[in-house]
Amino acid sequence: MPPTTQVPAPRRPTPAQWGRTLAVGTVAGTLHLPREAHSCGHLDPFAPAPTTRRGAEPRTQPYAVQHLTDAWGGLLLLVDDDSALHAHLRVLEADARWTGVPVVLDVLDVPPGQAALPRARLSVTGWVESILPADQRRVAQTAAAVRPLGALLDVGSTRSVWRLEVADVRVTTADGVHLVPEEEFTAAAPDPLYDDEDGLVAHLEANHRDALVGWVLDTLPAEDARQTREVAVVGADRHGLDVLVTVGSGTTTLRASFAEPVREPRDVVGALCGVFGCPCRATGPEDH
């Protein structure tokens, strides 16, 4: 018998890459702080909670937060100076028993169109520390080099940046919960397609529907291809596309892998052509 050819498993982002992608701030995060009433005691706000009666007061207070990274992968928080979050941080920072305010930053990934379950979740446990006024603008500039938000121009006047010192990074994917070493987390590169993933998926649906459906029908077994009813792209990353397919009364997700990882958004055109075999030009996807 001829030797069996092993088909390599489709490449996907590593947990460290997922973590760095969610850390750059495209998706808003939630910051969990100890409640002010607990700041005068010795309570560890992130220790396992004891069993309490239903309706007992939670031990942490959640706040929506704009998080960012600096040029070296360090985590930052961009906070309005007149916000409740800023006031809470100042109160907790004044507690002499803490060197830094203990926090948990939680960031949940949501796929395009929310057509599937979340793909990844970033949870960072650590301590938030204020940055000296004289260093605020310099730190804001390092953040702008990674993600140039207009709000960073207000740092030093109506906004401030705080540093989140990392103690523990966990990334949850379909494969489970992954403890990511800090050096891997900071060294990983965020996904180049994530910022405009929704736009890329919308472009594929509007302009490459026939090629997409043709690829699905060629990829599925013949019997499943005959029962295919719906096809939708539900994810895009540097390594490929996730395509949700309704076959009969069930669904399955196919992976359309790129030949090489995409390093810049402009490279996605050639990558898509490699998958679908369509004519391509060296332009952005909006012109393809």
C-alpha atoms as a PDB file:
ATOM      1  CA  MET A   1       0.000   0.000   0.000  1.00  0.00           C
ATOM      2  CA  PRO A   2       1.277   3.528  -0.755  1.00  0.00           C
ATOM      3  CA  PRO A   3       2.309   5.552   2.293  1.00  0.00           C
ATOM      4  CA  THR A   4      -0.433   7.735   3.790  1.00  0.00           C
ATOM      5  CA  THR A   5       0.088  11.459   3.298  1.00  0.00           C
ATOM      6  CA  GLN A   6      -0.400  13.314   6.572  1.00  0.00           C
ATOM      7  CA  VAL A   7      -2.261  16.608   6.137  1.00  0.00           C
ATOM      8  CA  PRO A   8      -0.782  19.230   8.478  1.00  0.00           C
ATOM      9  CA  ALA A   9      -3.153  20.719  11.022  1.00  0.00           C
ATOM     10  CA  PRO A  10      -4.356  24.238  10.117  1.00  0.00           C
ATOM     11  CA  ARG A  11      -2.263  26.968  11.719  1.00  0.00           C
ATOM     12  CA  ARG A  12      -3.962  29.225  14.243  1.00  0.00           C
ATOM     13  CA  PRO A  13      -2.811  32.072  16.495  1.00  0.00           C
ATOM     14  CA  THR A  14      -0.934  30.912  19.581  1.00  0.00           C
ATOM     15  CA  PRO A  15      -2.290  31.840  23.038  1.00  0.00           C
ATOM     16  CA  ALA A  16       0.468  34.453  23.347  1.00  0.00           C
ATOM     17  CA  GLN A  17      -0.523  35.983  19.988  1.00  0.00           C
ATOM     18  CA  TRP A  18      -4.196  36.045  21.010  1.00  0.00           C
ATOM     19  CA  GLY A  19      -3.231  37.720  24.259  1.00  0.00           C
ATOM     20  CA  ARG A  20      -1.160  40.432  22.567  1.00  0.00           C
ATOM     21  CA  THR A  21      -3.886  41.019  19.976  1.00  0.00           C
ATOM     22  CA  LEU A  22      -6.459  41.644  22.699  1.00  0.00           C
ATOM     23  CA  ALA A  23      -3.981  43.697  24.755  1.00  0.00           C
ATOM     24  CA  VAL A  24      -3.524  46.488  22.188  1.00  0.00           C
ATOM     25  CA  GLY A  25      -6.994  47.872  22.897  1.00  0.00           C
ATOM     26  CA  THR A  26      -9.040  47.274  19.744  1.00  0.00           C
ATOM     27  CA  VAL A  27     -11.661  45.659  21.994  1.00  0.00           C
ATOM     28  CA  ALA A  28     -12.546  47.487  25.208  1.00  0.00           C
ATOM     29  CA  GLY A  29     -11.673  45.740  28.454  1.00  0.00           C
ATOM     30  CA  THR A  30     -13.145  45.538  31.933  1.00  0.00           C
ATOM     31  CA  LEU A  31     -11.005  46.448  34.930  1.00  0.00           C
ATOM     32  CA  HIS A  32     -11.913  44.834  38.242  1.00  0.00           C
ATOM     33  CA  LEU A  33     -10.847  46.799  41.337  1.00  0.00           C
ATOM     34  CA  PRO A  34     -11.246  46.060  45.059  1.00  0.00           C
ATOM     35  CA  ARG A  35     -14.232  47.877  46.464  1.00  0.00           C
ATOM     36  CA  GLU A  36     -13.311  50.957  48.501  1.00  0.00           C
ATOM     37  CA  ALA A  37     -14.959  49.498  51.603  1.00  0.00           C
ATOM     38  CA  HIS A  38     -12.424  46.679  51.513  1.00  0.00           C
ATOM     39  CA  SER A  39      -9.355  48.880  51.133  1.00  0.00           C
ATOM     40  CA  CYS A  40      -8.990  49.414  54.867  1.00  0.00           C
ATOM     41  CA  GLY A  41      -8.798  45.709  55.691  1.00  0.00           C
ATOM     42  CA  HIS A  42      -6.442  42.876  54.841  1.00  0.00           C
ATOM     43  CA  LEU A  43      -8.761  41.235  52.327  1.00  0.00           C
ATOM     44  CA  ASP A  44      -7.128  39.783  49.211  1.00  0.00           C
ATOM     45  CA  PRO A  45      -9.673  40.787  46.537  1.00  0.00           C
ATOM     46  CA  PHE A  46      -8.516  38.074  44.124  1.00  0.00           C
ATOM     47  CA  ALA A  47      -8.375  35.140  46.532  1.00  0.00           C
ATOM     48  CA  PRO A  48     -11.139  32.525  46.082  1.00  0.00           C
ATOM     49  CA  ALA A  49     -14.334  33.923  47.553  1.00  0.00           C
ATOM     50  CA  PRO A  50     -15.835  32.141  50.541  1.00  0.00           C
ATOM     51  CA  THR A  51     -19.350  30.754  50.263  1.00  0.00           C
ATOM     52  CA  THR A  52     -21.784  33.571  51.024  1.00  0.00           C
ATOM     53  CA  ARG A  53     -25.491  33.998  51.004  1.00  0.00           C
ATOM     54  CA  ARG A  54     -27.166  34.963  47.764  1.00  0.00           C
ATOM     55  CA  GLY A  55     -27.183  38.726  47.217  1.00  0.00           C
ATOM     56  CA  ALA A  56     -23.975  39.365  49.212  1.00  0.00           C
ATOM     57  CA  GLU A  57     -21.952  42.353  47.998  1.00  0.00           C
ATOM     58  CA  PRO A  58     -19.312  41.441  45.371  1.00  0.00           C
ATOM     59  CA  ARG A  59     -15.748  41.969  46.511  1.00  0.00           C
ATOM     60  CA  THR A  60     -14.684  43.797  43.325  1.00  0.00           C
ATOM     61  CA  GLN A  61     -16.002  46.742  41.304  1.00  0.00           C
ATOM     62  CA  PRO A  62     -15.923  46.508  37.474  1.00  0.00           C
ATOM     63  CA  TYR A  63     -15.156  49.476  35.196  1.00  0.00           C
ATOM     64  CA  ALA A  64     -15.029  49.705  31.411  1.00  0.00           C
ATOM     65  CA  VAL A  65     -11.494  50.739  30.510  1.00  0.00           C
ATOM     66  CA  GLN A  66      -9.405  51.681  27.476  1.00  0.00           C
ATOM     67  CA  HIS A  67      -6.248  49.608  27.712  1.00  0.00           C
ATOM     68  CA  LEU A  68      -3.173  49.953  25.498  1.00  0.00           C
ATOM     69  CA  THR A  69       0.388  48.702  25.216  1.00  0.00           C
ATOM     70  CA  ASP A  70       3.641  50.601  24.978  1.00  0.00           C
ATOM     71  CA  ALA A  71       6.320  49.944  22.373  1.00  0.00           C
ATOM     72  CA  TRP A  72       7.754  47.082  24.468  1.00  0.00           C
ATOM     73  CA  GLY A  73       4.488  45.265  25.091  1.00  0.00           C
ATOM     74  CA  GLY A  74       3.871  46.691  28.554  1.00  0.00           C
ATOM     75  CA  LEU A  75       0.233  47.241  29.498  1.00  0.00           C
ATOM     76  CA  LEU A  76      -1.198  50.726  30.050  1.00  0.00           C
ATOM     77  CA  LEU A  77      -4.604  52.141  30.994  1.00  0.00           C
ATOM     78  CA  LEU A  78      -5.955  55.390  29.532  1.00  0.00           C
ATOM     79  CA  VAL A  79      -8.249  57.008  32.112  1.00  0.00           C
ATOM     80  CA  ASP A  80     -10.372  60.192  32.083  1.00  0.00           C
ATOM     81  CA  ASP A  81      -9.293  62.356  35.025  1.00  0.00           C
ATOM     82  CA  ASP A  82     -12.896  63.200  35.969  1.00  0.00           C
ATOM     83  CA  SER A  83     -14.140  59.592  35.808  1.00  0.00           C
ATOM     84  CA  ALA A  84     -15.280  57.336  38.620  1.00  0.00           C
ATOM     85  CA  LEU A  85     -12.483  54.930  37.688  1.00  0.00           C
ATOM     86  CA  HIS A  86      -9.830  57.619  38.195  1.00  0.00           C
ATOM     87  CA  ALA A  87     -11.292  58.591  41.579  1.00  0.00           C
ATOM     88  CA  HIS A  88     -11.419  54.948  42.672  1.00  0.00           C
ATOM     89  CA  LEU A  89      -7.805  54.351  41.629  1.00  0.00           C
ATOM     90  CA  ARG A  90      -6.666  57.405  43.603  1.00  0.00           C
ATOM     91  CA  VAL A  91      -8.465  56.231  46.750  1.00  0.00           C
ATOM     92  CA  LEU A  92      -6.972  52.744  46.532  1.00  0.00           C
ATOM     93  CA  GLU A  93      -3.517  54.060  45.636  1.00  0.00           C
ATOM     94  CA  ALA A  94      -3.471  56.005  48.920  1.00  0.00           C
ATOM     95  CA  ASP A  95      -3.659  52.759  50.928  1.00  0.00           C
ATOM     96  CA  ALA A  96      -0.125  52.398  52.333  1.00  0.00           C
ATOM     97  CA  ARG A  97      -0.463  48.606  52.639  1.00  0.00           C
ATOM     98  CA  TRP A  98      -0.394  48.189  48.863  1.00  0.00           C
ATOM     99  CA  THR A  99       2.482  48.862  46.506  1.00  0.00           C
ATOM    100  CA  GLY A 100       0.288  49.347  43.486  1.00  0.00           C
ATOM    101  CA  VAL A 101      -3.458  48.713  43.283  1.00  0.00           C
ATOM    102  CA  PRO A 102      -4.363  45.005  42.744  1.00  0.00           C
ATOM    103  CA  VAL A 103      -6.518  44.582  39.617  1.00  0.00           C
ATOM    104  CA  VAL A 104      -7.760  42.107  37.051  1.00  0.00           C
ATOM    105  CA  LEU A 105      -8.064  43.214  33.409  1.00  0.00           C
ATOM    106  CA  ASP A 106     -10.542  41.136  31.435  1.00  0.00           C
ATOM    107  CA  VAL A 107     -10.837  41.374  27.621  1.00  0.00           C
ATOM    108  CA  LEU A 108     -13.297  39.252  25.652  1.00  0.00           C
ATOM    109  CA  ASP A 109     -12.894  38.757  21.909  1.00  0.00           C
ATOM    110  CA  VAL A 110     -16.045  38.982  19.791  1.00  0.00           C
ATOM    111  CA  PRO A 111     -15.983  37.597  16.222  1.00  0.00           C
ATOM    112  CA  PRO A 112     -17.284  39.635  13.249  1.00  0.00           C
ATOM    113  CA  GLY A 113     -21.044  39.967  13.306  1.00  0.00           C
ATOM    114  CA  GLN A 114     -21.129  37.981  16.560  1.00  0.00           C
ATOM    115  CA  ALA A 115     -21.969  34.967  14.421  1.00  0.00           C
ATOM    116  CA  ALA A 116     -20.092  32.521  16.664  1.00  0.00           C
ATOM    117  CA  LEU A 117     -19.029  32.057  20.251  1.00  0.00           C
ATOM    118  CA  PRO A 118     -16.127  34.240  21.473  1.00  0.00           C
ATOM    119  CA  ARG A 119     -12.816  32.851  20.278  1.00  0.00           C
ATOM    120  CA  ALA A 120     -10.527  34.071  23.030  1.00  0.00           C
ATOM    121  CA  ARG A 121     -10.432  35.779  26.408  1.00  0.00           C
ATOM    122  CA  LEU A 122      -7.508  37.620  27.985  1.00  0.00           C
ATOM    123  CA  SER A 123      -7.279  37.849  31.769  1.00  0.00           C
ATOM    124  CA  VAL A 124      -4.393  39.764  33.321  1.00  0.00           C
ATOM    125  CA  THR A 125      -3.857  39.890  37.078  1.00  0.00           C
ATOM    126  CA  GLY A 126      -1.449  42.504  38.380  1.00  0.00           C
ATOM    127  CA  TRP A 127      -1.017  45.902  39.993  1.00  0.00           C
ATOM    128  CA  VAL A 128      -1.811  49.340  38.611  1.00  0.00           C
ATOM    129  CA  GLU A 129       0.638  52.144  39.390  1.00  0.00           C
ATOM    130  CA  SER A 130       0.367  55.835  38.603  1.00  0.00           C
ATOM    131  CA  ILE A 131       2.938  57.483  36.323  1.00  0.00           C
ATOM    132  CA  LEU A 132       4.654  60.720  37.294  1.00  0.00           C
ATOM    133  CA  PRO A 133       3.169  63.846  35.627  1.00  0.00           C
ATOM    134  CA  ALA A 134       6.537  64.613  34.033  1.00  0.00           C
ATOM    135  CA  ASP A 135       6.501  61.211  32.287  1.00  0.00           C
ATOM    136  CA  GLN A 136       2.877  61.170  31.138  1.00  0.00           C
ATOM    137  CA  ARG A 137       3.448  62.606  27.652  1.00  0.00           C
ATOM    138  CA  ARG A 138       6.485  60.406  26.978  1.00  0.00           C
ATOM    139  CA  VAL A 139       4.584  57.247  27.912  1.00  0.00           C
ATOM    140  CA  ALA A 140       1.580  58.376  25.844  1.00  0.00           C
ATOM    141  CA  GLN A 141       3.860  58.741  22.825  1.00  0.00           C
ATOM    142  CA  THR A 142       5.111  55.160  23.187  1.00  0.00           C
ATOM    143  CA  ALA A 143       1.483  53.993  23.266  1.00  0.00           C
ATOM    144  CA  ALA A 144       0.639  56.087  20.194  1.00  0.00           C
ATOM    145  CA  ALA A 145       3.466  54.386  18.286  1.00  0.00           C
ATOM    146  CA  VAL A 146       1.549  51.098  18.696  1.00  0.00           C
ATOM    147  CA  ARG A 147      -2.042  52.380  18.431  1.00  0.00           C
ATOM    148  CA  PRO A 148      -2.437  56.086  17.565  1.00  0.00           C
ATOM    149  CA  LEU A 149      -5.638  56.946  19.416  1.00  0.00           C
ATOM    150  CA  GLY A 150      -6.711  60.589  19.297  1.00  0.00           C
ATOM    151  CA  ALA A 151      -7.519  60.444  23.022  1.00  0.00           C
ATOM    152  CA  LEU A 152      -3.802  60.108  23.754  1.00  0.00           C
ATOM    153  CA  LEU A 153      -3.410  63.770  22.737  1.00  0.00           C
ATOM    154  CA  ASP A 154      -5.336  64.693  25.909  1.00  0.00           C
ATOM    155  CA  VAL A 155      -2.866  62.986  28.236  1.00  0.00           C
ATOM    156  CA  GLY A 156      -1.497  65.578  30.624  1.00  0.00           C
ATOM    157  CA  SER A 157      -4.618  67.747  30.469  1.00  0.00           C
ATOM    158  CA  THR A 158      -7.865  65.778  30.862  1.00  0.00           C
ATOM    159  CA  ARG A 159      -6.603  62.193  30.728  1.00  0.00           C
ATOM    160  CA  SER A 160      -3.804  60.208  32.305  1.00  0.00           C
ATOM    161  CA  VAL A 161      -2.048  56.909  31.683  1.00  0.00           C
ATOM    162  CA  TRP A 162      -1.469  54.286  34.363  1.00  0.00           C
ATOM    163  CA  ARG A 163       0.853  51.299  34.155  1.00  0.00           C
ATOM    164  CA  LEU A 164      -0.364  47.753  34.751  1.00  0.00           C
ATOM    165  CA  GLU A 165       2.440  45.615  36.144  1.00  0.00           C
ATOM    166  CA  VAL A 166       1.732  42.018  35.144  1.00  0.00           C
ATOM    167  CA  ALA A 167       1.696  39.168  37.635  1.00  0.00           C
ATOM    168  CA  ASP A 168      -0.260  36.578  35.658  1.00  0.00           C
ATOM    169  CA  VAL A 169      -1.496  36.299  32.054  1.00  0.00           C
ATOM    170  CA  ARG A 170      -4.115  33.741  31.105  1.00  0.00           C
ATOM    171  CA  VAL A 171      -5.662  33.276  27.667  1.00  0.00           C
ATOM    172  CA  THR A 172      -8.752  31.139  27.160  1.00  0.00           C
ATOM    173  CA  THR A 173      -9.387  29.630  23.725  1.00  0.00           C
ATOM    174  CA  ALA A 174     -11.360  26.674  22.421  1.00  0.00           C
ATOM    175  CA  ASP A 175      -8.430  24.492  23.502  1.00  0.00           C
ATOM    176  CA  GLY A 176      -8.681  25.514  27.163  1.00  0.00           C
ATOM    177  CA  VAL A 177      -7.065  27.978  29.553  1.00  0.00           C
ATOM    178  CA  HIS A 178      -3.404  28.781  28.868  1.00  0.00           C
ATOM    179  CA  LEU A 179      -1.004  30.352  31.373  1.00  0.00           C
ATOM    180  CA  VAL A 180       1.224  32.541  29.171  1.00  0.00           C
ATOM    181  CA  PRO A 181       4.703  33.467  30.441  1.00  0.00           C
ATOM    182  CA  GLU A 182       5.169  37.237  30.497  1.00  0.00           C
ATOM    183  CA  GLU A 183       8.177  37.090  28.158  1.00  0.00           C
ATOM    184  CA  GLU A 184       6.119  35.216  25.540  1.00  0.00           C
ATOM    185  CA  PHE A 185       3.246  37.648  25.971  1.00  0.00           C
ATOM    186  CA  THR A 186       5.384  40.767  25.417  1.00  0.00           C
ATOM    187  CA  ALA A 187       7.392  39.195  22.566  1.00  0.00           C
ATOM    188  CA  ALA A 188       4.320  38.112  20.561  1.00  0.00           C
ATOM    189  CA  ALA A 189       3.039  40.380  17.787  1.00  0.00           C
ATOM    190  CA  PRO A 190      -0.635  41.423  17.620  1.00  0.00           C
ATOM    191  CA  ASP A 191      -2.587  40.146  14.646  1.00  0.00           C
ATOM    192  CA  PRO A 192      -2.261  42.552  11.680  1.00  0.00           C
ATOM    193  CA  LEU A 193      -5.814  41.847  10.466  1.00  0.00           C
ATOM    194  CA  TYR A 194      -7.667  42.253  13.754  1.00  0.00           C
ATOM    195  CA  ASP A 195      -8.249  46.027  13.574  1.00  0.00           C
ATOM    196  CA  ASP A 196     -10.165  45.722  10.302  1.00  0.00           C
ATOM    197  CA  GLU A 197     -11.449  42.165  10.618  1.00  0.00           C
ATOM    198  CA  ASP A 198     -15.079  43.239  10.289  1.00  0.00           C
ATOM    199  CA  GLY A 199     -14.273  45.179   7.112  1.00  0.00           C
ATOM    200  CA  LEU A 200     -12.336  42.272   5.622  1.00  0.00           C
ATOM    201  CA  VAL A 201     -15.174  39.832   6.295  1.00  0.00           C
ATOM    202  CA  ALA A 202     -17.740  42.239   4.840  1.00  0.00           C
ATOM    203  CA  HIS A 203     -15.541  42.657   1.737  1.00  0.00           C
ATOM    204  CA  LEU A 204     -15.307  38.895   1.242  1.00  0.00           C
ATOM    205  CA  GLU A 205     -19.062  38.494   1.539  1.00  0.00           C
ATOM    206  CA  ALA A 206     -19.759  41.366  -0.878  1.00  0.00           C
ATOM    207  CA  ASN A 207     -17.079  40.754  -3.508  1.00  0.00           C
ATOM    208  CA  HIS A 208     -15.881  37.150  -3.304  1.00  0.00           C
ATOM    209  CA  ARG A 209     -19.012  35.224  -2.455  1.00  0.00           C
ATOM    210  CA  ASP A 210     -18.823  32.923  -5.484  1.00  0.00           C
ATOM    211  CA  ALA A 211     -15.163  32.075  -4.880  1.00  0.00           C
ATOM    212  CA  LEU A 212     -15.867  31.444  -1.194  1.00  0.00           C
ATOM    213  CA  VAL A 213     -18.800  29.107  -1.859  1.00  0.00           C
ATOM    214  CA  GLY A 214     -16.800  27.326  -4.564  1.00  0.00           C
ATOM    215  CA  TRP A 215     -13.950  26.725  -2.117  1.00  0.00           C
ATOM    216  CA  VAL A 216     -16.374  25.316   0.464  1.00  0.00           C
ATOM    217  CA  LEU A 217     -17.976  22.926  -2.041  1.00  0.00           C
ATOM    218  CA  ASP A 218     -14.547  21.736  -3.207  1.00  0.00           C
ATOM    219  CA  THR A 219     -13.362  21.224   0.383  1.00  0.00           C
ATOM    220  CA  LEU A 220     -16.354  19.291   1.752  1.00  0.00           C
ATOM    221  CA  PRO A 221     -17.023  15.625   1.001  1.00  0.00           C
ATOM    222  CA  ALA A 222     -19.390  15.259  -1.955  1.00  0.00           C
ATOM    223  CA  GLU A 223     -22.418  14.249   0.142  1.00  0.00           C
ATOM    224  CA  ASP A 224     -21.959  17.208   2.516  1.00  0.00           C
ATOM    225  CA  ALA A 225     -21.432  19.571  -0.427  1.00  0.00           C
ATOM    226  CA  ARG A 226     -24.811  18.550  -1.837  1.00  0.00           C
ATOM    227  CA  GLN A 227     -26.487  19.396   1.495  1.00  0.00           C
ATOM    228  CA  THR A 228     -24.754  22.764   2.001  1.00  0.00           C
ATOM    229  CA  ARG A 229     -27.246  25.564   2.678  1.00  0.00           C
ATOM    230  CA  GLU A 230     -25.384  28.544   4.180  1.00  0.00           C
ATOM    231  CA  VAL A 231     -21.781  29.784   4.089  1.00  0.00           C
ATOM    232  CA  ALA A 232     -20.374  32.642   6.192  1.00  0.00           C
ATOM    233  CA  VAL A 233     -16.889  33.847   7.128  1.00  0.00           C
ATOM    234  CA  VAL A 234     -16.834  34.183  10.931  1.00  0.00           C
ATOM    235  CA  GLY A 235     -13.174  34.986  11.533  1.00  0.00           C
ATOM    236  CA  ALA A 236      -9.944  36.151   9.932  1.00  0.00           C
ATOM    237  CA  ASP A 237      -6.410  36.191  11.315  1.00  0.00           C
ATOM    238  CA  ARG A 238      -2.813  36.160  10.078  1.00  0.00           C
ATOM    239  CA  HIS A 239      -3.011  32.409   9.409  1.00  0.00           C
ATOM    240  CA  GLY A 240      -6.344  32.106   7.594  1.00  0.00           C
ATOM    241  CA  LEU A 241     -10.135  32.305   7.650  1.00  0.00           C
ATOM    242  CA  ASP A 242     -12.803  30.505   9.674  1.00  0.00           C
ATOM    243  CA  VAL A 243     -15.833  29.640   7.543  1.00  0.00           C
ATOM    244  CA  LEU A 244     -19.087  28.526   9.155  1.00  0.00           C
ATOM    245  CA  VAL A 245     -21.064  26.144   6.935  1.00  0.00           C
ATOM    246  CA  THR A 246     -24.606  24.865   7.429  1.00  0.00           C
ATOM    247  CA  VAL A 247     -24.804  21.300   6.163  1.00  0.00           C
ATOM    248  CA  GLY A 248     -28.284  19.841   6.324  1.00  0.00           C
ATOM    249  CA  SER A 249     -29.543  20.469   9.849  1.00  0.00           C
ATOM    250  CA  GLY A 250     -26.085  20.896  11.391  1.00  0.00           C
ATOM    251  CA  THR A 251     -23.106  23.239  11.152  1.00  0.00           C
ATOM    252  CA  THR A 252     -19.380  22.810  10.758  1.00  0.00           C
ATOM    253  CA  THR A 253     -16.457  25.237  10.691  1.00  0.00           C
ATOM    254  CA  LEU A 254     -13.848  24.973   7.950  1.00  0.00           C
ATOM    255  CA  ARG A 255     -10.392  26.512   8.119  1.00  0.00           C
ATOM    256  CA  ALA A 256      -9.048  28.216   4.977  1.00  0.00           C
ATOM    257  CA  SER A 257      -5.326  28.438   5.731  1.00  0.00           C
ATOM    258  CA  PHE A 258      -3.023  30.952   4.075  1.00  0.00           C
ATOM    259  CA  ALA A 259       0.194  29.593   2.572  1.00  0.00           C
ATOM    260  CA  GLU A 260       2.218  31.973   4.759  1.00  0.00           C
ATOM    261  CA  PRO A 261       1.250  34.114   7.747  1.00  0.00           C
ATOM    262  CA  VAL A 262       0.153  37.635   6.800  1.00  0.00           C
ATOM    263  CA  ARG A 263       2.579  40.211   8.237  1.00  0.00           C
ATOM    264  CA  GLU A 264       0.871  43.424   7.061  1.00  0.00           C
ATOM    265  CA  PRO A 265      -2.717  44.214   6.003  1.00  0.00           C
ATOM    266  CA  ARG A 266      -1.610  44.813   2.416  1.00  0.00           C
ATOM    267  CA  ASP A 267      -0.402  41.189   2.206  1.00  0.00           C
ATOM    268  CA  VAL A 268      -3.911  39.814   2.655  1.00  0.00           C
ATOM    269  CA  VAL A 269      -4.759  40.186  -1.046  1.00  0.00           C
ATOM    270  CA  GLY A 270      -2.106  37.705  -2.139  1.00  0.00           C
ATOM    271  CA  ALA A 271      -3.047  35.390   0.723  1.00  0.00           C
ATOM    272  CA  LEU A 272      -6.701  35.350  -0.328  1.00  0.00           C
ATOM    273  CA  CYS A 273      -5.765  34.721  -3.937  1.00  0.00           C
ATOM    274  CA  GLY A 274      -3.727  31.739  -2.813  1.00  0.00           C
ATOM    275  CA  VAL A 275      -6.810  30.277  -1.146  1.00  0.00           C
ATOM    276  CA  PHE A 276      -9.444  31.111  -3.772  1.00  0.00           C
ATOM    277  CA  GLY A 277      -7.298  31.204  -6.915  1.00  0.00           C
ATOM    278  CA  CYS A 278      -8.665  34.607  -7.891  1.00  0.00           C
ATOM    279  CA  PRO A 279      -6.773  37.265  -9.886  1.00  0.00           C
ATOM    280  CA  CYS A 280      -4.961  39.689  -7.609  1.00  0.00           C
ATOM    281  CA  ARG A 281      -3.288  43.061  -7.669  1.00  0.00           C
ATOM    282  CA  ALA A 282      -0.774  44.509  -5.257  1.00  0.00           C
ATOM    283  CA  THR A 283      -3.363  46.730  -3.623  1.00  0.00           C
ATOM    284  CA  GLY A 284      -5.416  46.757  -0.452  1.00  0.00           C
ATOM    285  CA  PRO A 285      -8.453  44.504  -0.062  1.00  0.00           C
ATOM    286  CA  GLU A 286     -10.802  47.398  -0.637  1.00  0.00           C
ATOM    287  CA  ASP A 287      -9.630  47.543  -4.269  1.00  0.00           C
ATOM    288  CA  HIS A 288      -9.497  43.798  -4.851  1.00  0.00           C
END
